[in-house]
PDB file of all heavy atoms in Angstrom:
ATOM      1  N   LEU A   1      -0.028 -12.280  10.523  1.00  0.00           N
ATOM      2  CA  LEU A   1       1.195 -12.602   9.808  1.00  0.00           C
ATOM      3  C   LEU A   1       0.938 -12.963   8.368  1.00  0.00           C
ATOM      4  O   LEU A   1       1.479 -12.380   7.474  1.00  0.00           O
ATOM      5  CB  LEU A   1       1.963 -13.690  10.530  1.00  0.00           C
ATOM      6  CG  LEU A   1       2.760 -13.225  11.775  1.00  0.00           C
ATOM      7  CD1 LEU A   1       3.238 -14.535  12.511  1.00  0.00           C
ATOM      8  CD2 LEU A   1       3.912 -12.395  11.404  1.00  0.00           C
ATOM      9  N   GLN A   2       0.048 -13.991   8.179  1.00  0.00           N
ATOM     10  CA  GLN A   2      -0.174 -14.449   6.824  1.00  0.00           C
ATOM     11  C   GLN A   2      -1.003 -13.502   6.008  1.00  0.00           C
ATOM     12  O   GLN A   2      -0.735 -13.248   4.830  1.00  0.00           O
ATOM     13  CB  GLN A   2      -0.895 -15.787   6.883  1.00  0.00           C
ATOM     14  CG  GLN A   2      -1.110 -16.477   5.544  1.00  0.00           C
ATOM     15  CD  GLN A   2      -1.897 -17.770   5.648  1.00  0.00           C
ATOM     16  OE1 GLN A   2      -2.485 -18.054   6.735  1.00  0.00           O
ATOM     17  NE2 GLN A   2      -1.865 -18.599   4.554  1.00  0.00           N
ATOM     18  N   PHE A   3      -1.913 -12.806   6.680  1.00  0.00           N
ATOM     19  CA  PHE A   3      -2.845 -11.838   5.991  1.00  0.00           C
ATOM     20  C   PHE A   3      -2.008 -10.688   5.435  1.00  0.00           C
ATOM     21  O   PHE A   3      -2.190 -10.262   4.313  1.00  0.00           O
ATOM     22  CB  PHE A   3      -3.886 -11.404   6.938  1.00  0.00           C
ATOM     23  CG  PHE A   3      -5.028 -10.578   6.276  1.00  0.00           C
ATOM     24  CD1 PHE A   3      -5.631 -11.091   5.122  1.00  0.00           C
ATOM     25  CD2 PHE A   3      -5.410  -9.368   6.781  1.00  0.00           C
ATOM     26  CE1 PHE A   3      -6.595 -10.369   4.507  1.00  0.00           C
ATOM     27  CE2 PHE A   3      -6.433  -8.668   6.142  1.00  0.00           C
ATOM     28  CZ  PHE A   3      -7.016  -9.165   5.010  1.00  0.00           C
ATOM     29  N   ALA A   4      -1.117 -10.109   6.234  1.00  0.00           N
ATOM     30  CA  ALA A   4      -0.324  -8.990   5.789  1.00  0.00           C
ATOM     31  C   ALA A   4       0.620  -9.392   4.680  1.00  0.00           C
ATOM     32  O   ALA A   4       1.021  -8.521   3.881  1.00  0.00           O
ATOM     33  CB  ALA A   4       0.450  -8.360   6.997  1.00  0.00           C
ATOM     34  N   LEU A   5       1.052 -10.624   4.664  1.00  0.00           N
ATOM     35  CA  LEU A   5       2.046 -11.051   3.632  1.00  0.00           C
ATOM     36  C   LEU A   5       1.383 -11.325   2.294  1.00  0.00           C
ATOM     37  O   LEU A   5       1.848 -10.798   1.270  1.00  0.00           O
ATOM     38  CB  LEU A   5       2.785 -12.328   4.123  1.00  0.00           C
ATOM     39  CG  LEU A   5       3.818 -12.897   3.167  1.00  0.00           C
ATOM     40  CD1 LEU A   5       4.909 -11.874   2.945  1.00  0.00           C
ATOM     41  CD2 LEU A   5       4.343 -14.203   3.668  1.00  0.00           C
ATOM     42  N   ASP A   6       0.346 -12.138   2.263  1.00  0.00           N
ATOM     43  CA  ASP A   6      -0.216 -12.551   0.987  1.00  0.00           C
ATOM     44  C   ASP A   6      -1.708 -12.444   0.941  1.00  0.00           C
ATOM     45  O   ASP A   6      -2.360 -12.977   0.009  1.00  0.00           O
ATOM     46  CB  ASP A   6       0.212 -13.987   0.621  1.00  0.00           C
ATOM     47  CG  ASP A   6      -0.144 -15.054   1.704  1.00  0.00           C
ATOM     48  OD1 ASP A   6      -0.981 -14.712   2.539  1.00  0.00           O
ATOM     49  OD2 ASP A   6       0.389 -16.165   1.632  1.00  0.00           O
ATOM     50  N   GLY A   7      -2.348 -11.840   1.963  1.00  0.00           N
ATOM     51  CA  GLY A   7      -3.767 -11.618   1.933  1.00  0.00           C
ATOM     52  C   GLY A   7      -4.607 -12.821   2.220  1.00  0.00           C
ATOM     53  O   GLY A   7      -5.817 -12.878   1.805  1.00  0.00           O
ATOM     54  N   THR A   8      -4.069 -13.847   2.861  1.00  0.00           N
ATOM     55  CA  THR A   8      -4.869 -15.042   3.165  1.00  0.00           C
ATOM     56  C   THR A   8      -4.935 -15.258   4.700  1.00  0.00           C
ATOM     57  O   THR A   8      -3.972 -14.892   5.435  1.00  0.00           O
ATOM     58  CB  THR A   8      -4.242 -16.296   2.536  1.00  0.00           C
ATOM     59  OG1 THR A   8      -2.911 -16.505   3.035  1.00  0.00           O
ATOM     60  CG2 THR A   8      -4.162 -16.152   1.005  1.00  0.00           C
ATOM     61  N   ILE A   9      -6.038 -15.837   5.111  1.00  0.00           N
ATOM     62  CA  ILE A   9      -6.210 -16.302   6.497  1.00  0.00           C
ATOM     63  C   ILE A   9      -6.926 -17.631   6.377  1.00  0.00           C
ATOM     64  O   ILE A   9      -8.136 -17.685   6.075  1.00  0.00           O
ATOM     65  CB  ILE A   9      -7.013 -15.329   7.338  1.00  0.00           C
ATOM     66  CG1 ILE A   9      -6.385 -13.964   7.448  1.00  0.00           C
ATOM     67  CG2 ILE A   9      -7.187 -15.880   8.759  1.00  0.00           C
ATOM     68  CD1 ILE A   9      -7.160 -12.965   8.229  1.00  0.00           C
ATOM     69  N   GLY A  10      -6.193 -18.759   6.595  1.00  0.00           N
ATOM     70  CA  GLY A  10      -6.836 -20.011   6.443  1.00  0.00           C
ATOM     71  C   GLY A  10      -7.246 -20.252   4.962  1.00  0.00           C
ATOM     72  O   GLY A  10      -6.446 -20.053   4.041  1.00  0.00           O
ATOM     73  N   ASP A  11      -8.524 -20.555   4.710  1.00  0.00           N
ATOM     74  CA  ASP A  11      -9.076 -20.770   3.403  1.00  0.00           C
ATOM     75  C   ASP A  11      -9.463 -19.432   2.704  1.00  0.00           C
ATOM     76  O   ASP A  11      -9.785 -19.444   1.552  1.00  0.00           O
ATOM     77  CB  ASP A  11     -10.282 -21.695   3.446  1.00  0.00           C
ATOM     78  CG  ASP A  11      -9.894 -23.088   3.898  1.00  0.00           C
ATOM     79  OD1 ASP A  11      -8.749 -23.506   3.661  1.00  0.00           O
ATOM     80  OD2 ASP A  11     -10.783 -23.793   4.464  1.00  0.00           O
ATOM     81  N   TYR A  12      -9.445 -18.364   3.457  1.00  0.00           N
ATOM     82  CA  TYR A  12      -9.887 -17.062   2.898  1.00  0.00           C
ATOM     83  C   TYR A  12      -8.690 -16.405   2.160  1.00  0.00           C
ATOM     84  O   TYR A  12      -7.568 -16.429   2.570  1.00  0.00           O
ATOM     85  CB  TYR A  12     -10.320 -16.109   4.011  1.00  0.00           C
ATOM     86  CG  TYR A  12     -10.480 -14.689   3.551  1.00  0.00           C
ATOM     87  CD1 TYR A  12     -11.572 -14.280   2.804  1.00  0.00           C
ATOM     88  CD2 TYR A  12      -9.447 -13.756   3.743  1.00  0.00           C
ATOM     89  CE1 TYR A  12     -11.722 -12.933   2.358  1.00  0.00           C
ATOM     90  CE2 TYR A  12      -9.554 -12.450   3.299  1.00  0.00           C
ATOM     91  CZ  TYR A  12     -10.658 -12.041   2.566  1.00  0.00           C
ATOM     92  OH  TYR A  12     -10.820 -10.770   2.109  1.00  0.00           O
ATOM     93  N   ARG A  13      -9.007 -15.803   1.010  1.00  0.00           N
ATOM     94  CA  ARG A  13      -8.045 -15.030   0.291  1.00  0.00           C
ATOM     95  C   ARG A  13      -8.684 -13.731  -0.213  1.00  0.00           C
ATOM     96  O   ARG A  13      -9.765 -13.778  -0.795  1.00  0.00           O
ATOM     97  CB  ARG A  13      -7.478 -15.741  -0.939  1.00  0.00           C
ATOM     98  CG  ARG A  13      -6.529 -14.886  -1.781  1.00  0.00           C
ATOM     99  CD  ARG A  13      -6.007 -15.665  -2.966  1.00  0.00           C
ATOM    100  NE  ARG A  13      -5.039 -16.647  -2.581  1.00  0.00           N
ATOM    101  CZ  ARG A  13      -3.733 -16.401  -2.366  1.00  0.00           C
ATOM    102  NH1 ARG A  13      -3.274 -15.205  -2.547  1.00  0.00           N
ATOM    103  NH2 ARG A  13      -2.933 -17.433  -1.987  1.00  0.00           N
ATOM    104  N   LYS A  14      -8.099 -12.594   0.174  1.00  0.00           N
ATOM    105  CA  LYS A  14      -8.655 -11.322  -0.226  1.00  0.00           C
ATOM    106  C   LYS A  14      -8.547 -11.154  -1.745  1.00  0.00           C
ATOM    107  O   LYS A  14      -7.622 -11.644  -2.367  1.00  0.00           O
ATOM    108  CB  LYS A  14      -8.024 -10.181   0.483  1.00  0.00           C
ATOM    109  CG  LYS A  14      -6.619  -9.848   0.002  1.00  0.00           C
ATOM    110  CD  LYS A  14      -6.023  -8.558   0.643  1.00  0.00           C
ATOM    111  CE  LYS A  14      -4.664  -8.326   0.163  1.00  0.00           C
ATOM    112  NZ  LYS A  14      -4.615  -8.091  -1.337  1.00  0.00           N
ATOM    113  N   PRO A  15      -9.518 -10.407  -2.392  1.00  0.00           N
ATOM    114  CA  PRO A  15      -9.358 -10.081  -3.785  1.00  0.00           C
ATOM    115  C   PRO A  15      -8.067  -9.256  -4.054  1.00  0.00           C
ATOM    116  O   PRO A  15      -7.606  -8.516  -3.166  1.00  0.00           O
ATOM    117  CB  PRO A  15     -10.605  -9.266  -4.128  1.00  0.00           C
ATOM    118  CG  PRO A  15     -11.598  -9.649  -3.065  1.00  0.00           C
ATOM    119  CD  PRO A  15     -10.799  -9.940  -1.854  1.00  0.00           C
ATOM    120  N   ASP A  16      -7.448  -9.427  -5.170  1.00  0.00           N
ATOM    121  CA  ASP A  16      -6.251  -8.682  -5.473  1.00  0.00           C
ATOM    122  C   ASP A  16      -6.452  -7.211  -5.561  1.00  0.00           C
ATOM    123  O   ASP A  16      -5.466  -6.485  -5.517  1.00  0.00           O
ATOM    124  CB  ASP A  16      -5.633  -9.205  -6.837  1.00  0.00           C
ATOM    125  CG  ASP A  16      -5.148 -10.610  -6.769  1.00  0.00           C
ATOM    126  OD1 ASP A  16      -4.851 -11.099  -5.676  1.00  0.00           O
ATOM    127  OD2 ASP A  16      -5.091 -11.278  -7.821  1.00  0.00           O
ATOM    128  N   THR A  17      -7.676  -6.788  -5.658  1.00  0.00           N
ATOM    129  CA  THR A  17      -7.947  -5.353  -5.687  1.00  0.00           C
ATOM    130  C   THR A  17      -8.095  -4.712  -4.326  1.00  0.00           C
ATOM    131  O   THR A  17      -8.334  -3.492  -4.252  1.00  0.00           O
ATOM    132  CB  THR A  17      -9.314  -5.177  -6.475  1.00  0.00           C
ATOM    133  OG1 THR A  17     -10.308  -6.042  -5.951  1.00  0.00           O
ATOM    134  CG2 THR A  17      -9.103  -5.420  -7.974  1.00  0.00           C
ATOM    135  N   TRP A  18      -7.905  -5.528  -3.297  1.00  0.00           N
ATOM    136  CA  TRP A  18      -7.888  -4.963  -1.933  1.00  0.00           C
ATOM    137  C   TRP A  18      -6.480  -4.903  -1.409  1.00  0.00           C
ATOM    138  O   TRP A  18      -5.609  -5.782  -1.685  1.00  0.00           O
ATOM    139  CB  TRP A  18      -8.754  -5.789  -0.965  1.00  0.00           C
ATOM    140  CG  TRP A  18     -10.198  -5.537  -1.090  1.00  0.00           C
ATOM    141  CD1 TRP A  18     -11.045  -5.997  -2.060  1.00  0.00           C
ATOM    142  CD2 TRP A  18     -10.994  -4.684  -0.243  1.00  0.00           C
ATOM    143  NE1 TRP A  18     -12.309  -5.547  -1.870  1.00  0.00           N
ATOM    144  CE2 TRP A  18     -12.252  -4.691  -0.805  1.00  0.00           C
ATOM    145  CE3 TRP A  18     -10.701  -3.872   0.824  1.00  0.00           C
ATOM    146  CZ2 TRP A  18     -13.357  -3.938  -0.203  1.00  0.00           C
ATOM    147  CZ3 TRP A  18     -11.701  -3.168   1.387  1.00  0.00           C
ATOM    148  CH2 TRP A  18     -13.009  -3.174   0.905  1.00  0.00           C
ATOM    149  N   PHE A  19      -6.198  -3.866  -0.625  1.00  0.00           N
ATOM    150  CA  PHE A  19      -4.866  -3.596  -0.149  1.00  0.00           C
ATOM    151  C   PHE A  19      -4.868  -3.418   1.371  1.00  0.00           C
ATOM    152  O   PHE A  19      -5.867  -3.018   1.967  1.00  0.00           O
ATOM    153  CB  PHE A  19      -4.238  -2.380  -0.809  1.00  0.00           C
ATOM    154  CG  PHE A  19      -4.161  -2.485  -2.266  1.00  0.00           C
ATOM    155  CD1 PHE A  19      -5.256  -2.021  -3.105  1.00  0.00           C
ATOM    156  CD2 PHE A  19      -3.060  -2.983  -2.928  1.00  0.00           C
ATOM    157  CE1 PHE A  19      -5.250  -2.141  -4.429  1.00  0.00           C
ATOM    158  CE2 PHE A  19      -3.032  -3.105  -4.280  1.00  0.00           C
ATOM    159  CZ  PHE A  19      -4.116  -2.711  -5.051  1.00  0.00           C
ATOM    160  N   ILE A  20      -3.758  -3.786   2.031  1.00  0.00           N
ATOM    161  CA  ILE A  20      -3.675  -3.739   3.481  1.00  0.00           C
ATOM    162  C   ILE A  20      -2.772  -2.612   3.972  1.00  0.00           C
ATOM    163  O   ILE A  20      -1.651  -2.478   3.514  1.00  0.00           O
ATOM    164  CB  ILE A  20      -3.159  -5.075   4.062  1.00  0.00           C
ATOM    165  CG1 ILE A  20      -4.086  -6.234   3.647  1.00  0.00           C
ATOM    166  CG2 ILE A  20      -2.993  -5.097   5.527  1.00  0.00           C
ATOM    167  CD1 ILE A  20      -3.494  -7.597   3.864  1.00  0.00           C
ATOM    168  N   VAL A  21      -3.326  -1.844   4.894  1.00  0.00           N
ATOM    169  CA  VAL A  21      -2.578  -0.736   5.509  1.00  0.00           C
ATOM    170  C   VAL A  21      -2.789  -0.890   7.035  1.00  0.00           C
ATOM    171  O   VAL A  21      -3.855  -1.169   7.481  1.00  0.00           O
ATOM    172  CB  VAL A  21      -3.019   0.643   5.058  1.00  0.00           C
ATOM    173  CG1 VAL A  21      -2.171   1.737   5.782  1.00  0.00           C
ATOM    174  CG2 VAL A  21      -2.830   0.801   3.534  1.00  0.00           C
ATOM    175  N   SER A  22      -1.737  -0.696   7.793  1.00  0.00           N
ATOM    176  CA  SER A  22      -1.819  -0.635   9.256  1.00  0.00           C
ATOM    177  C   SER A  22      -1.262   0.574   9.809  1.00  0.00           C
ATOM    178  O   SER A  22      -0.535   1.260   9.079  1.00  0.00           O
ATOM    179  CB  SER A  22      -1.163  -1.976   9.832  1.00  0.00           C
ATOM    180  OG  SER A  22      -1.383  -2.024  11.246  1.00  0.00           O
ATOM    181  N   ALA A  23      -1.508   0.845  11.056  1.00  0.00           N
ATOM    182  CA  ALA A  23      -0.959   2.044  11.692  1.00  0.00           C
ATOM    183  C   ALA A  23      -0.676   1.704  13.170  1.00  0.00           C
ATOM    184  O   ALA A  23      -1.401   0.928  13.775  1.00  0.00           O
ATOM    185  CB  ALA A  23      -1.926   3.215  11.578  1.00  0.00           C
ATOM    186  N   VAL A  24       0.346   2.357  13.737  1.00  0.00           N
ATOM    187  CA  VAL A  24       0.694   2.182  15.141  1.00  0.00           C
ATOM    188  C   VAL A  24       1.060   3.543  15.738  1.00  0.00           C
ATOM    189  O   VAL A  24       1.549   4.416  15.099  1.00  0.00           O
ATOM    190  CB  VAL A  24       1.889   1.178  15.289  1.00  0.00           C
ATOM    191  CG1 VAL A  24       1.468  -0.211  14.835  1.00  0.00           C
ATOM    192  CG2 VAL A  24       3.145   1.652  14.526  1.00  0.00           C
ATOM    193  N   ASN A  25       0.853   3.639  17.005  1.00  0.00           N
ATOM    194  CA  ASN A  25       1.353   4.779  17.820  1.00  0.00           C
ATOM    195  C   ASN A  25       2.551   4.219  18.628  1.00  0.00           C
ATOM    196  O   ASN A  25       2.390   3.444  19.571  1.00  0.00           O
ATOM    197  CB  ASN A  25       0.248   5.279  18.824  1.00  0.00           C
ATOM    198  CG  ASN A  25      -0.968   5.815  18.086  1.00  0.00           C
ATOM    199  OD1 ASN A  25      -0.890   6.312  17.041  1.00  0.00           O
ATOM    200  ND2 ASN A  25      -2.137   5.530  18.690  1.00  0.00           N
ATOM    201  N   ASP A  26       3.739   4.619  18.210  1.00  0.00           N
ATOM    202  CA  ASP A  26       4.963   4.090  18.858  1.00  0.00           C
ATOM    203  C   ASP A  26       5.109   4.678  20.247  1.00  0.00           C
ATOM    204  O   ASP A  26       4.828   5.822  20.458  1.00  0.00           O
ATOM    205  CB  ASP A  26       6.156   4.431  18.039  1.00  0.00           C
ATOM    206  CG  ASP A  26       6.161   3.735  16.720  1.00  0.00           C
ATOM    207  OD1 ASP A  26       6.040   2.475  16.723  1.00  0.00           O
ATOM    208  OD2 ASP A  26       6.266   4.429  15.645  1.00  0.00           O
ATOM    209  N   ASP A  27       5.519   3.814  21.158  1.00  0.00           N
ATOM    210  CA  ASP A  27       5.886   4.241  22.539  1.00  0.00           C
ATOM    211  C   ASP A  27       4.706   4.895  23.285  1.00  0.00           C
ATOM    212  O   ASP A  27       4.895   5.636  24.213  1.00  0.00           O
ATOM    213  CB  ASP A  27       7.061   5.266  22.504  1.00  0.00           C
ATOM    214  CG  ASP A  27       8.267   4.675  21.850  1.00  0.00           C
ATOM    215  OD1 ASP A  27       8.529   3.407  22.073  1.00  0.00           O
ATOM    216  OD2 ASP A  27       9.011   5.388  21.185  1.00  0.00           O
ATOM    217  N   ASP A  28       3.472   4.551  22.894  1.00  0.00           N
ATOM    218  CA  ASP A  28       2.312   5.061  23.552  1.00  0.00           C
ATOM    219  C   ASP A  28       1.859   4.051  24.645  1.00  0.00           C
ATOM    220  O   ASP A  28       2.194   2.838  24.563  1.00  0.00           O
ATOM    221  CB  ASP A  28       1.154   5.226  22.589  1.00  0.00           C
ATOM    222  CG  ASP A  28       0.050   6.102  23.136  1.00  0.00           C
ATOM    223  OD1 ASP A  28       0.293   6.790  24.153  1.00  0.00           O
ATOM    224  OD2 ASP A  28      -1.055   6.055  22.623  1.00  0.00           O
ATOM    225  N   ALA A  29       1.253   4.487  25.720  1.00  0.00           N
ATOM    226  CA  ALA A  29       0.758   3.597  26.784  1.00  0.00           C
ATOM    227  C   ALA A  29      -0.114   2.581  26.216  1.00  0.00           C
ATOM    228  O   ALA A  29      -1.018   2.833  25.401  1.00  0.00           O
ATOM    229  CB  ALA A  29       0.103   4.433  27.829  1.00  0.00           C
ATOM    230  N   GLY A  30       0.068   1.318  26.678  1.00  0.00           N
ATOM    231  CA  GLY A  30      -0.833   0.236  26.291  1.00  0.00           C
ATOM    232  C   GLY A  30      -0.442  -0.489  25.061  1.00  0.00           C
ATOM    233  O   GLY A  30      -1.130  -1.375  24.546  1.00  0.00           O
ATOM    234  N   THR A  31       0.733  -0.088  24.439  1.00  0.00           N
ATOM    235  CA  THR A  31       1.147  -0.748  23.197  1.00  0.00           C
ATOM    236  C   THR A  31       2.140  -1.820  23.496  1.00  0.00           C
ATOM    237  O   THR A  31       2.806  -1.840  24.580  1.00  0.00           O
ATOM    238  CB  THR A  31       1.748   0.272  22.194  1.00  0.00           C
ATOM    239  OG1 THR A  31       2.887   0.881  22.824  1.00  0.00           O
ATOM    240  CG2 THR A  31       0.716   1.356  21.853  1.00  0.00           C
ATOM    241  N   SER A  32       2.353  -2.741  22.574  1.00  0.00           N
ATOM    242  CA  SER A  32       3.312  -3.806  22.729  1.00  0.00           C
ATOM    243  C   SER A  32       4.253  -3.838  21.478  1.00  0.00           C
ATOM    244  O   SER A  32       3.827  -3.373  20.391  1.00  0.00           O
ATOM    245  CB  SER A  32       2.628  -5.156  22.871  1.00  0.00           C
ATOM    246  OG  SER A  32       1.763  -5.182  23.960  1.00  0.00           O
ATOM    247  N   LYS A  33       5.417  -4.289  21.657  1.00  0.00           N
ATOM    248  CA  LYS A  33       6.349  -4.445  20.509  1.00  0.00           C
ATOM    249  C   LYS A  33       5.905  -5.542  19.544  1.00  0.00           C
ATOM    250  O   LYS A  33       5.567  -6.626  19.984  1.00  0.00           O
ATOM    251  CB  LYS A  33       7.778  -4.713  21.090  1.00  0.00           C
ATOM    252  CG  LYS A  33       8.824  -4.735  20.021  1.00  0.00           C
ATOM    253  CD  LYS A  33      10.219  -4.999  20.580  1.00  0.00           C
ATOM    254  CE  LYS A  33      11.287  -5.025  19.536  1.00  0.00           C
ATOM    255  NZ  LYS A  33      12.642  -5.260  20.096  1.00  0.00           N
ATOM    256  N   MET A  34       5.911  -5.195  18.332  1.00  0.00           N
ATOM    257  CA  MET A  34       5.584  -6.189  17.272  1.00  0.00           C
ATOM    258  C   MET A  34       6.776  -7.019  16.947  1.00  0.00           C
ATOM    259  O   MET A  34       7.883  -6.603  17.005  1.00  0.00           O
ATOM    260  CB  MET A  34       5.083  -5.430  16.017  1.00  0.00           C
ATOM    261  CG  MET A  34       3.817  -4.638  16.147  1.00  0.00           C
ATOM    262  SD  MET A  34       3.439  -3.511  14.796  1.00  0.00           S
ATOM    263  CE  MET A  34       3.516  -4.634  13.385  1.00  0.00           C
TER     264      MET A  34
END
């Protein structure tokens, strides 16, 4: 949650030159609703 929003996890902060992308397979077996 926090990482995707502002790039932080606890005391860690990603450099501003790094970007976050995620991917999902909708309605596939073994998946859960986000």
